[in-house]
Every structure is written in structure tokens, then in C-alpha cells.
Amino acid sequence: MDAAMSDIQSVLWDIPEEKVVTLSAEFLIMRALSYGTVPLMLHMKRRYGLDAVRNVFRSLKQTSMSARRYAYAKNVLLA
């Protein structure tokens, strides 16, 4: 199992493994932004593209992640 798959499974703790393949890209990106590691966020950016990650980020409430994580995503990851 590669590191990205291990990381994505860690943010999908409440979803049975066999159902993960049915999840939308938007949901996976949202979980990665809200709970994932920096490498997982970067993996989502590479896999789905900057525009897709930005769109999901803009749809999130600022309170859905810590202020520090929000600032990092806004000013570094998605800049």
C-alpha cells in the first residue's frame, strides 16, 4: 500500500473500505483538506488538479478546519 492510500484511509475512518471507491472526488478532497496531512493534500492537488481542489476549498466553511490549516491551504497550497 502506498503512502497516499494509507493517508486517505486515515481520513476516511468512518467509511467501510469497500465503499471508498464510490466516493466522489469532491468528498475525498474535502476530507483531505479538513483532516489530511500535507502530503495527502499535495496528492489530491496532483491527482485532481488545482482548480478542483480550489473549488472544494472555497465551498468549505472556514470553521471546518483549524485556523492554521485554513491559512496554510489558502496562502501556500492553493496560492
N, C-alpha and C. Protein backbone atom coordinates (compact mmCIF):
# COMPACT_ATOMS: atom_id res chain seq x y z
N MET A 1 0.85 -1.18 0.00
CA MET A 1 0.00 0.00 0.00
C MET A 1 0.89 1.24 0.00
N ASP A 2 0.64 2.17 -0.91
CA ASP A 2 1.47 3.36 -0.95
C ASP A 2 1.04 4.36 0.13
N ALA A 3 1.88 5.35 0.36
CA ALA A 3 1.63 6.32 1.43
C ALA A 3 0.35 7.10 1.21
N ALA A 4 0.05 7.49 -0.03
CA ALA A 4 -1.16 8.26 -0.30
C ALA A 4 -2.41 7.47 0.05
N MET A 5 -2.44 6.17 -0.29
CA MET A 5 -3.60 5.34 0.05
C MET A 5 -3.73 5.17 1.55
N SER A 6 -2.63 5.02 2.24
CA SER A 6 -2.66 4.92 3.69
C SER A 6 -3.19 6.21 4.30
N ASP A 7 -2.74 7.35 3.77
CA ASP A 7 -3.19 8.65 4.27
C ASP A 7 -4.67 8.86 4.01
N ILE A 8 -5.16 8.51 2.81
CA ILE A 8 -6.58 8.74 2.51
C ILE A 8 -7.44 7.84 3.38
N GLN A 9 -7.00 6.62 3.65
CA GLN A 9 -7.78 5.75 4.52
C GLN A 9 -7.83 6.29 5.95
N SER A 10 -6.80 7.00 6.36
CA SER A 10 -6.79 7.55 7.71
C SER A 10 -7.80 8.69 7.87
N VAL A 11 -8.17 9.37 6.80
CA VAL A 11 -9.17 10.44 6.90
C VAL A 11 -10.57 9.94 6.55
N LEU A 12 -10.67 8.68 6.20
CA LEU A 12 -11.97 8.07 5.91
C LEU A 12 -12.27 6.99 6.95
N TRP A 13 -11.91 7.26 8.20
CA TRP A 13 -12.03 6.29 9.28
C TRP A 13 -13.46 5.78 9.46
N ASP A 14 -14.45 6.56 9.09
CA ASP A 14 -15.85 6.21 9.34
C ASP A 14 -16.54 5.56 8.14
N ILE A 15 -15.78 5.26 7.10
CA ILE A 15 -16.35 4.70 5.88
C ILE A 15 -15.73 3.33 5.63
N PRO A 16 -16.57 2.31 5.42
CA PRO A 16 -16.03 0.98 5.14
C PRO A 16 -15.13 1.01 3.90
N GLU A 17 -14.05 0.27 3.97
CA GLU A 17 -13.04 0.29 2.90
C GLU A 17 -13.64 -0.03 1.53
N GLU A 18 -14.59 -0.93 1.45
CA GLU A 18 -15.18 -1.30 0.16
C GLU A 18 -16.04 -0.18 -0.43
N LYS A 19 -16.44 0.79 0.37
CA LYS A 19 -17.26 1.91 -0.12
C LYS A 19 -16.42 3.11 -0.58
N VAL A 20 -15.14 3.10 -0.27
CA VAL A 20 -14.26 4.23 -0.61
C VAL A 20 -14.25 4.49 -2.12
N VAL A 21 -14.28 3.45 -2.92
CA VAL A 21 -14.23 3.62 -4.37
C VAL A 21 -15.47 4.32 -4.93
N THR A 22 -16.55 4.37 -4.15
CA THR A 22 -17.78 5.01 -4.61
C THR A 22 -17.84 6.49 -4.26
N LEU A 23 -16.88 6.98 -3.50
CA LEU A 23 -16.91 8.37 -3.05
C LEU A 23 -16.50 9.32 -4.17
N SER A 24 -17.11 10.49 -4.16
CA SER A 24 -16.79 11.50 -5.18
C SER A 24 -15.43 12.13 -4.91
N ALA A 25 -14.85 12.67 -5.95
CA ALA A 25 -13.58 13.39 -5.82
C ALA A 25 -13.74 14.56 -4.86
N GLU A 26 -14.86 15.25 -4.93
CA GLU A 26 -15.10 16.40 -4.05
C GLU A 26 -15.06 15.99 -2.57
N PHE A 27 -15.68 14.85 -2.27
CA PHE A 27 -15.70 14.37 -0.89
C PHE A 27 -14.29 14.02 -0.43
N LEU A 28 -13.54 13.32 -1.28
CA LEU A 28 -12.17 12.95 -0.92
C LEU A 28 -11.30 14.17 -0.71
N ILE A 29 -11.43 15.16 -1.57
CA ILE A 29 -10.66 16.41 -1.43
C ILE A 29 -11.04 17.12 -0.14
N MET A 30 -12.34 17.18 0.14
CA MET A 30 -12.80 17.85 1.36
C MET A 30 -12.20 17.18 2.60
N ARG A 31 -12.22 15.86 2.65
CA ARG A 31 -11.65 15.16 3.79
C ARG A 31 -10.14 15.40 3.89
N ALA A 32 -9.47 15.37 2.75
CA ALA A 32 -8.02 15.60 2.75
C ALA A 32 -7.70 17.00 3.25
N LEU A 33 -8.45 17.99 2.81
CA LEU A 33 -8.21 19.36 3.27
C LEU A 33 -8.52 19.52 4.75
N SER A 34 -9.59 18.91 5.19
CA SER A 34 -10.03 19.09 6.58
C SER A 34 -9.19 18.30 7.58
N TYR A 35 -8.76 17.10 7.22
CA TYR A 35 -8.12 16.21 8.19
C TYR A 35 -6.78 15.63 7.76
N GLY A 36 -6.42 15.77 6.51
CA GLY A 36 -5.24 15.09 5.98
C GLY A 36 -3.92 15.77 6.27
N THR A 37 -2.89 15.01 5.99
CA THR A 37 -1.53 15.52 6.12
C THR A 37 -1.20 16.40 4.91
N VAL A 38 -0.15 17.14 5.00
CA VAL A 38 0.29 17.97 3.87
C VAL A 38 0.58 17.09 2.65
N PRO A 39 1.29 15.96 2.80
CA PRO A 39 1.50 15.12 1.62
C PRO A 39 0.19 14.64 0.98
N LEU A 40 -0.83 14.37 1.80
CA LEU A 40 -2.11 13.96 1.23
C LEU A 40 -2.77 15.11 0.48
N MET A 41 -2.70 16.31 1.03
CA MET A 41 -3.25 17.47 0.33
C MET A 41 -2.55 17.66 -1.01
N LEU A 42 -1.25 17.53 -1.03
CA LEU A 42 -0.49 17.67 -2.27
C LEU A 42 -0.84 16.56 -3.25
N HIS A 43 -1.08 15.36 -2.76
CA HIS A 43 -1.50 14.24 -3.61
C HIS A 43 -2.86 14.56 -4.27
N MET A 44 -3.78 15.11 -3.52
CA MET A 44 -5.09 15.48 -4.07
C MET A 44 -4.93 16.56 -5.15
N LYS A 45 -4.03 17.48 -4.90
CA LYS A 45 -3.77 18.55 -5.87
C LYS A 45 -3.21 17.97 -7.17
N ARG A 46 -2.28 17.03 -7.05
CA ARG A 46 -1.72 16.38 -8.24
C ARG A 46 -2.75 15.51 -8.96
N ARG A 47 -3.52 14.76 -8.18
CA ARG A 47 -4.46 13.81 -8.77
C ARG A 47 -5.67 14.48 -9.42
N TYR A 48 -6.24 15.49 -8.75
CA TYR A 48 -7.49 16.09 -9.23
C TYR A 48 -7.30 17.47 -9.85
N GLY A 49 -6.14 18.05 -9.66
CA GLY A 49 -5.85 19.36 -10.23
C GLY A 49 -6.12 20.51 -9.28
N LEU A 50 -5.41 21.58 -9.50
CA LEU A 50 -5.50 22.75 -8.64
C LEU A 50 -6.91 23.34 -8.64
N ASP A 51 -7.53 23.43 -9.81
CA ASP A 51 -8.86 24.03 -9.89
C ASP A 51 -9.88 23.25 -9.07
N ALA A 52 -9.85 21.94 -9.15
CA ALA A 52 -10.80 21.11 -8.38
C ALA A 52 -10.59 21.31 -6.88
N VAL A 53 -9.34 21.32 -6.44
CA VAL A 53 -9.06 21.50 -5.02
C VAL A 53 -9.47 22.90 -4.57
N ARG A 54 -9.20 23.90 -5.38
CA ARG A 54 -9.63 25.26 -5.04
C ARG A 54 -11.14 25.36 -4.92
N ASN A 55 -11.86 24.73 -5.85
CA ASN A 55 -13.33 24.78 -5.81
C ASN A 55 -13.88 24.16 -4.53
N VAL A 56 -13.32 23.02 -4.14
CA VAL A 56 -13.76 22.38 -2.90
C VAL A 56 -13.39 23.26 -1.72
N PHE A 57 -12.19 23.80 -1.71
CA PHE A 57 -11.76 24.67 -0.61
C PHE A 57 -12.70 25.85 -0.45
N ARG A 58 -13.06 26.48 -1.55
CA ARG A 58 -13.96 27.65 -1.50
C ARG A 58 -15.34 27.28 -0.99
N SER A 59 -15.76 26.02 -1.18
CA SER A 59 -17.08 25.61 -0.72
C SER A 59 -17.11 25.25 0.77
N LEU A 60 -15.93 25.06 1.36
CA LEU A 60 -15.86 24.70 2.78
C LEU A 60 -16.09 25.92 3.66
N LYS A 61 -16.71 25.68 4.81
CA LYS A 61 -16.80 26.73 5.81
C LYS A 61 -15.42 26.87 6.44
N GLN A 62 -15.05 28.08 6.75
CA GLN A 62 -13.73 28.31 7.35
C GLN A 62 -13.60 27.55 8.66
N THR A 63 -14.71 27.31 9.34
CA THR A 63 -14.67 26.61 10.62
C THR A 63 -14.56 25.10 10.48
N SER A 64 -14.54 24.59 9.24
CA SER A 64 -14.43 23.15 9.04
C SER A 64 -13.00 22.64 9.24
N MET A 65 -12.08 23.56 9.43
CA MET A 65 -10.70 23.19 9.71
C MET A 65 -10.10 24.23 10.64
N SER A 66 -8.99 23.88 11.23
CA SER A 66 -8.34 24.82 12.15
C SER A 66 -7.91 26.07 11.39
N ALA A 67 -7.78 27.16 12.12
CA ALA A 67 -7.37 28.43 11.50
C ALA A 67 -6.00 28.29 10.85
N ARG A 68 -5.12 27.56 11.48
CA ARG A 68 -3.77 27.36 10.94
C ARG A 68 -3.81 26.57 9.63
N ARG A 69 -4.60 25.49 9.60
CA ARG A 69 -4.74 24.67 8.40
C ARG A 69 -5.40 25.48 7.28
N TYR A 70 -6.42 26.26 7.61
CA TYR A 70 -7.12 27.10 6.63
C TYR A 70 -6.13 28.09 6.01
N ALA A 71 -5.35 28.76 6.85
CA ALA A 71 -4.38 29.74 6.35
C ALA A 71 -3.34 29.07 5.46
N TYR A 72 -2.85 27.90 5.85
CA TYR A 72 -1.88 27.18 5.04
C TYR A 72 -2.46 26.83 3.68
N ALA A 73 -3.66 26.27 3.69
CA ALA A 73 -4.30 25.87 2.42
C ALA A 73 -4.51 27.10 1.53
N LYS A 74 -4.99 28.15 2.10
CA LYS A 74 -5.29 29.36 1.32
C LYS A 74 -4.03 30.05 0.80
N ASN A 75 -3.02 30.19 1.64
CA ASN A 75 -1.87 31.01 1.30
C ASN A 75 -0.68 30.26 0.72
N VAL A 76 -0.62 28.94 0.91
CA VAL A 76 0.52 28.18 0.42
C VAL A 76 0.08 27.12 -0.59
N LEU A 77 -0.77 26.24 -0.16
CA LEU A 77 -1.16 25.11 -1.00
C LEU A 77 -1.90 25.54 -2.26
N LEU A 78 -2.80 26.50 -2.12
CA LEU A 78 -3.65 26.89 -3.24
C LEU A 78 -3.30 28.24 -3.85
N ALA A 79 -2.18 28.79 -3.44
CA ALA A 79 -1.78 30.11 -3.94
C ALA A 79 -1.29 30.03 -5.38
